[in-house]
Amino acid sequence: MSLLEPVFWLSVGAVLYSNFGYPLVLLAIAAPRRPAPRPEPTPDASLPSVAVLVAAYNEERHIAERVRNLLTLDYPCRSIAHICRVGRFHRPQHRAPARHGE
């Protein structure tokens, strides 16, 4: 038995453990745990208000589409504060779409 034979078998064992042994150990540890219960849906009244700020620079072509996308969020409209900042490159003919439902 040469000195290289134990090194070879330790290397083979390390490769086998990393590919097969470790995943089996993780499965054994995770198996007894039950999945966490799903939280109840939060009523609209208790949701916090949010502010949406879109940073855009020379984005006249895309900003209206982005604002329309933000308006389709599944969040109570009264809880979303819209912040609009008009920069020096503002052109009056490009306006954001009106809010739906108002």
N, C-alpha and C. Protein backbone atom coordinates (compact mmCIF):
# COMPACT_ATOMS: atom_id res chain seq x y z
N MET A 1 0.85 -1.17 0.00
CA MET A 1 0.00 0.00 0.00
C MET A 1 0.90 1.24 0.00
N SER A 2 0.72 2.03 -1.00
CA SER A 2 1.55 3.22 -1.08
C SER A 2 0.90 4.37 -0.32
N LEU A 3 1.61 5.45 -0.23
CA LEU A 3 1.11 6.62 0.47
C LEU A 3 -0.03 7.30 -0.30
N LEU A 4 -0.09 7.13 -1.60
CA LEU A 4 -1.10 7.79 -2.42
C LEU A 4 -2.47 7.11 -2.35
N GLU A 5 -2.50 5.82 -1.99
CA GLU A 5 -3.79 5.11 -1.95
C GLU A 5 -4.75 5.69 -0.92
N PRO A 6 -4.34 5.97 0.32
CA PRO A 6 -5.29 6.60 1.26
C PRO A 6 -5.73 8.00 0.82
N VAL A 7 -4.82 8.73 0.20
CA VAL A 7 -5.18 10.06 -0.30
C VAL A 7 -6.24 9.93 -1.39
N PHE A 8 -6.07 8.93 -2.27
CA PHE A 8 -7.05 8.69 -3.33
C PHE A 8 -8.41 8.37 -2.74
N TRP A 9 -8.47 7.45 -1.78
CA TRP A 9 -9.76 7.05 -1.22
C TRP A 9 -10.40 8.17 -0.40
N LEU A 10 -9.60 8.98 0.27
CA LEU A 10 -10.17 10.14 0.97
C LEU A 10 -10.76 11.14 -0.03
N SER A 11 -10.09 11.31 -1.16
CA SER A 11 -10.61 12.21 -2.20
C SER A 11 -11.91 11.68 -2.78
N VAL A 12 -11.96 10.38 -3.05
CA VAL A 12 -13.19 9.77 -3.56
C VAL A 12 -14.31 9.92 -2.53
N GLY A 13 -14.00 9.69 -1.26
CA GLY A 13 -15.00 9.84 -0.21
C GLY A 13 -15.50 11.28 -0.10
N ALA A 14 -14.59 12.25 -0.23
CA ALA A 14 -14.99 13.65 -0.15
C ALA A 14 -15.91 14.03 -1.30
N VAL A 15 -15.61 13.54 -2.50
CA VAL A 15 -16.45 13.83 -3.66
C VAL A 15 -17.82 13.18 -3.50
N LEU A 16 -17.85 11.94 -3.06
CA LEU A 16 -19.13 11.24 -2.86
C LEU A 16 -19.97 11.91 -1.77
N TYR A 17 -19.29 12.32 -0.68
CA TYR A 17 -20.03 12.97 0.40
C TYR A 17 -20.61 14.31 -0.08
N SER A 18 -19.81 15.08 -0.80
CA SER A 18 -20.31 16.39 -1.22
C SER A 18 -21.45 16.28 -2.23
N ASN A 19 -21.48 15.22 -3.03
CA ASN A 19 -22.53 15.07 -4.03
C ASN A 19 -23.74 14.29 -3.54
N PHE A 20 -23.55 13.37 -2.63
CA PHE A 20 -24.65 12.52 -2.19
C PHE A 20 -24.90 12.58 -0.68
N GLY A 21 -23.85 12.56 0.11
CA GLY A 21 -24.00 12.52 1.57
C GLY A 21 -24.58 13.80 2.14
N TYR A 22 -24.03 14.93 1.76
CA TYR A 22 -24.49 16.20 2.30
C TYR A 22 -25.96 16.47 1.97
N PRO A 23 -26.41 16.28 0.71
CA PRO A 23 -27.85 16.47 0.46
C PRO A 23 -28.72 15.52 1.28
N LEU A 24 -28.28 14.29 1.50
CA LEU A 24 -29.06 13.37 2.32
C LEU A 24 -29.12 13.83 3.77
N VAL A 25 -28.03 14.37 4.28
CA VAL A 25 -28.02 14.91 5.65
C VAL A 25 -28.99 16.07 5.76
N LEU A 26 -29.00 16.96 4.75
CA LEU A 26 -29.94 18.09 4.77
C LEU A 26 -31.39 17.62 4.72
N LEU A 27 -31.67 16.61 3.91
CA LEU A 27 -33.04 16.07 3.86
C LEU A 27 -33.43 15.47 5.19
N ALA A 28 -32.52 14.78 5.84
CA ALA A 28 -32.81 14.17 7.13
C ALA A 28 -33.08 15.23 8.20
N ILE A 29 -32.37 16.34 8.12
CA ILE A 29 -32.58 17.41 9.10
C ILE A 29 -33.90 18.14 8.83
N ALA A 30 -34.21 18.36 7.58
CA ALA A 30 -35.40 19.14 7.23
C ALA A 30 -36.69 18.33 7.26
N ALA A 31 -36.62 17.01 7.18
CA ALA A 31 -37.82 16.18 7.09
C ALA A 31 -38.74 16.31 8.29
N PRO A 32 -38.26 16.31 9.53
CA PRO A 32 -39.21 16.37 10.65
C PRO A 32 -39.91 17.71 10.81
N ARG A 33 -39.42 18.75 10.22
CA ARG A 33 -40.04 20.07 10.37
C ARG A 33 -41.30 20.19 9.53
N ARG A 34 -42.29 20.82 10.12
CA ARG A 34 -43.51 21.10 9.38
C ARG A 34 -43.37 22.45 8.69
N PRO A 35 -44.03 22.61 7.56
CA PRO A 35 -43.95 23.93 6.91
C PRO A 35 -44.62 25.00 7.76
N ALA A 36 -44.12 26.20 7.67
CA ALA A 36 -44.68 27.31 8.44
C ALA A 36 -46.10 27.59 7.97
N PRO A 37 -47.01 27.91 8.88
CA PRO A 37 -48.38 28.21 8.47
C PRO A 37 -48.42 29.49 7.66
N ARG A 38 -49.32 29.54 6.69
CA ARG A 38 -49.47 30.73 5.88
C ARG A 38 -50.14 31.83 6.69
N PRO A 39 -49.65 33.05 6.59
CA PRO A 39 -50.30 34.14 7.33
C PRO A 39 -51.65 34.50 6.72
N GLU A 40 -52.52 34.98 7.56
CA GLU A 40 -53.83 35.42 7.11
C GLU A 40 -53.66 36.65 6.23
N PRO A 41 -54.51 36.83 5.22
CA PRO A 41 -54.42 38.05 4.41
C PRO A 41 -54.67 39.28 5.27
N THR A 42 -53.88 40.29 5.06
CA THR A 42 -54.00 41.52 5.84
C THR A 42 -55.14 42.37 5.30
N PRO A 43 -56.04 42.83 6.18
CA PRO A 43 -57.11 43.70 5.69
C PRO A 43 -56.52 45.03 5.21
N ASP A 44 -57.21 45.65 4.25
CA ASP A 44 -56.71 46.88 3.64
C ASP A 44 -56.49 47.99 4.66
N ALA A 45 -57.29 48.03 5.70
CA ALA A 45 -57.19 49.13 6.66
C ALA A 45 -55.87 49.09 7.43
N SER A 46 -55.29 47.91 7.59
CA SER A 46 -54.07 47.83 8.39
C SER A 46 -52.79 47.84 7.56
N LEU A 47 -52.92 47.98 6.25
CA LEU A 47 -51.74 48.07 5.41
C LEU A 47 -51.11 49.45 5.54
N PRO A 48 -49.79 49.52 5.58
CA PRO A 48 -49.16 50.84 5.68
C PRO A 48 -49.25 51.60 4.37
N SER A 49 -49.16 52.90 4.45
CA SER A 49 -49.15 53.68 3.22
C SER A 49 -47.74 53.64 2.64
N VAL A 50 -47.65 53.73 1.35
CA VAL A 50 -46.36 53.68 0.67
C VAL A 50 -46.24 54.87 -0.26
N ALA A 51 -45.01 55.25 -0.52
CA ALA A 51 -44.72 56.31 -1.48
C ALA A 51 -43.94 55.69 -2.63
N VAL A 52 -44.32 56.03 -3.83
CA VAL A 52 -43.64 55.51 -5.01
C VAL A 52 -42.89 56.67 -5.65
N LEU A 53 -41.61 56.50 -5.77
CA LEU A 53 -40.77 57.52 -6.38
C LEU A 53 -40.07 56.88 -7.57
N VAL A 54 -40.30 57.44 -8.74
CA VAL A 54 -39.68 56.92 -9.96
C VAL A 54 -38.62 57.92 -10.39
N ALA A 55 -37.38 57.49 -10.37
CA ALA A 55 -36.29 58.35 -10.83
C ALA A 55 -36.13 58.15 -12.33
N ALA A 56 -36.28 59.22 -13.07
CA ALA A 56 -36.19 59.13 -14.53
C ALA A 56 -35.45 60.35 -15.05
N TYR A 57 -34.63 60.14 -16.02
CA TYR A 57 -33.88 61.22 -16.65
C TYR A 57 -34.04 61.08 -18.16
N ASN A 58 -34.67 62.05 -18.77
CA ASN A 58 -34.95 62.03 -20.21
C ASN A 58 -35.69 60.74 -20.62
N GLU A 59 -36.74 60.43 -19.90
CA GLU A 59 -37.51 59.20 -20.15
C GLU A 59 -38.92 59.51 -20.61
N GLU A 60 -39.10 60.54 -21.42
CA GLU A 60 -40.45 60.93 -21.84
C GLU A 60 -41.18 59.79 -22.54
N ARG A 61 -40.45 58.99 -23.27
CA ARG A 61 -41.10 57.92 -24.04
C ARG A 61 -41.60 56.78 -23.16
N HIS A 62 -40.99 56.59 -21.99
CA HIS A 62 -41.31 55.41 -21.19
C HIS A 62 -42.03 55.71 -19.88
N ILE A 63 -42.03 56.97 -19.45
CA ILE A 63 -42.56 57.27 -18.12
C ILE A 63 -44.06 57.04 -18.02
N ALA A 64 -44.83 57.33 -19.07
CA ALA A 64 -46.28 57.11 -19.01
C ALA A 64 -46.59 55.63 -18.85
N GLU A 65 -45.86 54.79 -19.54
CA GLU A 65 -46.07 53.34 -19.41
C GLU A 65 -45.72 52.87 -18.00
N ARG A 66 -44.67 53.44 -17.41
CA ARG A 66 -44.26 53.06 -16.05
C ARG A 66 -45.32 53.49 -15.04
N VAL A 67 -45.85 54.68 -15.19
CA VAL A 67 -46.89 55.14 -14.27
C VAL A 67 -48.14 54.29 -14.41
N ARG A 68 -48.53 53.93 -15.64
CA ARG A 68 -49.68 53.02 -15.82
C ARG A 68 -49.42 51.69 -15.13
N ASN A 69 -48.20 51.19 -15.23
CA ASN A 69 -47.83 49.94 -14.56
C ASN A 69 -47.95 50.07 -13.06
N LEU A 70 -47.51 51.17 -12.50
CA LEU A 70 -47.61 51.38 -11.06
C LEU A 70 -49.06 51.47 -10.60
N LEU A 71 -49.93 52.03 -11.45
CA LEU A 71 -51.34 52.15 -11.08
C LEU A 71 -52.06 50.81 -11.07
N THR A 72 -51.49 49.81 -11.69
CA THR A 72 -52.13 48.49 -11.69
C THR A 72 -51.71 47.64 -10.50
N LEU A 73 -50.95 48.20 -9.57
CA LEU A 73 -50.52 47.43 -8.40
C LEU A 73 -51.73 46.96 -7.59
N ASP A 74 -51.60 45.80 -7.01
CA ASP A 74 -52.66 45.25 -6.16
C ASP A 74 -52.47 45.78 -4.74
N TYR A 75 -52.74 47.06 -4.56
CA TYR A 75 -52.57 47.73 -3.27
C TYR A 75 -53.65 48.80 -3.20
N PRO A 76 -54.21 49.04 -2.03
CA PRO A 76 -55.29 50.04 -1.94
C PRO A 76 -54.81 51.40 -2.43
N CYS A 77 -55.55 51.98 -3.34
CA CYS A 77 -55.15 53.25 -3.95
C CYS A 77 -55.01 54.37 -2.93
N ARG A 78 -55.81 54.36 -1.88
CA ARG A 78 -55.75 55.46 -0.93
C ARG A 78 -54.47 55.41 -0.10
N SER A 79 -53.75 54.29 -0.14
CA SER A 79 -52.53 54.15 0.64
C SER A 79 -51.27 54.46 -0.15
N ILE A 80 -51.40 54.78 -1.42
CA ILE A 80 -50.23 55.05 -2.24
C ILE A 80 -50.12 56.56 -2.47
N ALA A 81 -49.00 57.11 -2.08
CA ALA A 81 -48.74 58.53 -2.31
C ALA A 81 -47.93 58.65 -3.59
N HIS A 82 -48.42 59.43 -4.52
CA HIS A 82 -47.71 59.64 -5.78
C HIS A 82 -46.88 60.91 -5.67
N ILE A 83 -45.61 60.79 -5.92
CA ILE A 83 -44.72 61.94 -5.86
C ILE A 83 -44.30 62.25 -7.28
N CYS A 84 -44.52 63.47 -7.69
CA CYS A 84 -44.20 63.87 -9.05
C CYS A 84 -43.20 65.01 -9.00
N ARG A 85 -42.08 64.83 -9.62
CA ARG A 85 -41.05 65.88 -9.68
C ARG A 85 -40.78 66.15 -11.14
N VAL A 86 -40.97 67.38 -11.53
CA VAL A 86 -40.76 67.76 -12.91
C VAL A 86 -39.38 68.38 -13.01
N GLY A 87 -38.56 67.82 -13.87
CA GLY A 87 -37.20 68.33 -14.04
C GLY A 87 -37.13 69.42 -15.09
N ARG A 88 -35.95 69.84 -15.43
CA ARG A 88 -35.78 70.92 -16.39
C ARG A 88 -36.05 70.47 -17.82
N PHE A 89 -36.17 69.16 -18.06
CA PHE A 89 -36.42 68.66 -19.40
C PHE A 89 -37.90 68.32 -19.62
N HIS A 90 -38.76 68.84 -18.75
CA HIS A 90 -40.18 68.55 -18.84
C HIS A 90 -40.78 69.24 -20.07
N ARG A 91 -41.59 68.48 -20.75
CA ARG A 91 -42.34 69.03 -21.88
C ARG A 91 -43.82 68.87 -21.56
N PRO A 92 -44.60 69.94 -21.57
CA PRO A 92 -46.00 69.86 -21.13
C PRO A 92 -46.85 68.88 -21.93
N GLN A 93 -46.51 68.58 -23.17
CA GLN A 93 -47.36 67.67 -23.94
C GLN A 93 -47.24 66.22 -23.45
N HIS A 94 -46.24 65.88 -22.66
CA HIS A 94 -46.09 64.53 -22.12
C HIS A 94 -46.63 64.53 -20.70
N ARG A 95 -47.79 64.00 -20.51
CA ARG A 95 -48.39 63.98 -19.19
C ARG A 95 -48.58 62.53 -18.75
N ALA A 96 -48.49 62.35 -17.45
CA ALA A 96 -48.72 61.03 -16.88
C ALA A 96 -50.20 60.71 -16.99
N PRO A 97 -50.57 59.44 -17.12
CA PRO A 97 -51.99 59.08 -17.21
C PRO A 97 -52.72 59.37 -15.90
N ALA A 98 -53.99 59.67 -16.00
CA ALA A 98 -54.80 59.93 -14.81
C ALA A 98 -55.00 58.65 -14.03
N ARG A 99 -55.18 58.78 -12.73
CA ARG A 99 -55.41 57.62 -11.87
C ARG A 99 -56.75 56.99 -12.22
N HIS A 100 -56.79 55.68 -12.19
CA HIS A 100 -58.05 55.02 -12.45
C HIS A 100 -58.94 55.10 -11.22
N GLY A 101 -60.21 55.24 -11.41
CA GLY A 101 -61.15 55.29 -10.31
C GLY A 101 -61.31 56.67 -9.71
N GLU A 102 -60.64 57.68 -10.23
CA GLU A 102 -60.78 59.04 -9.67
C GLU A 102 -61.20 59.99 -10.74
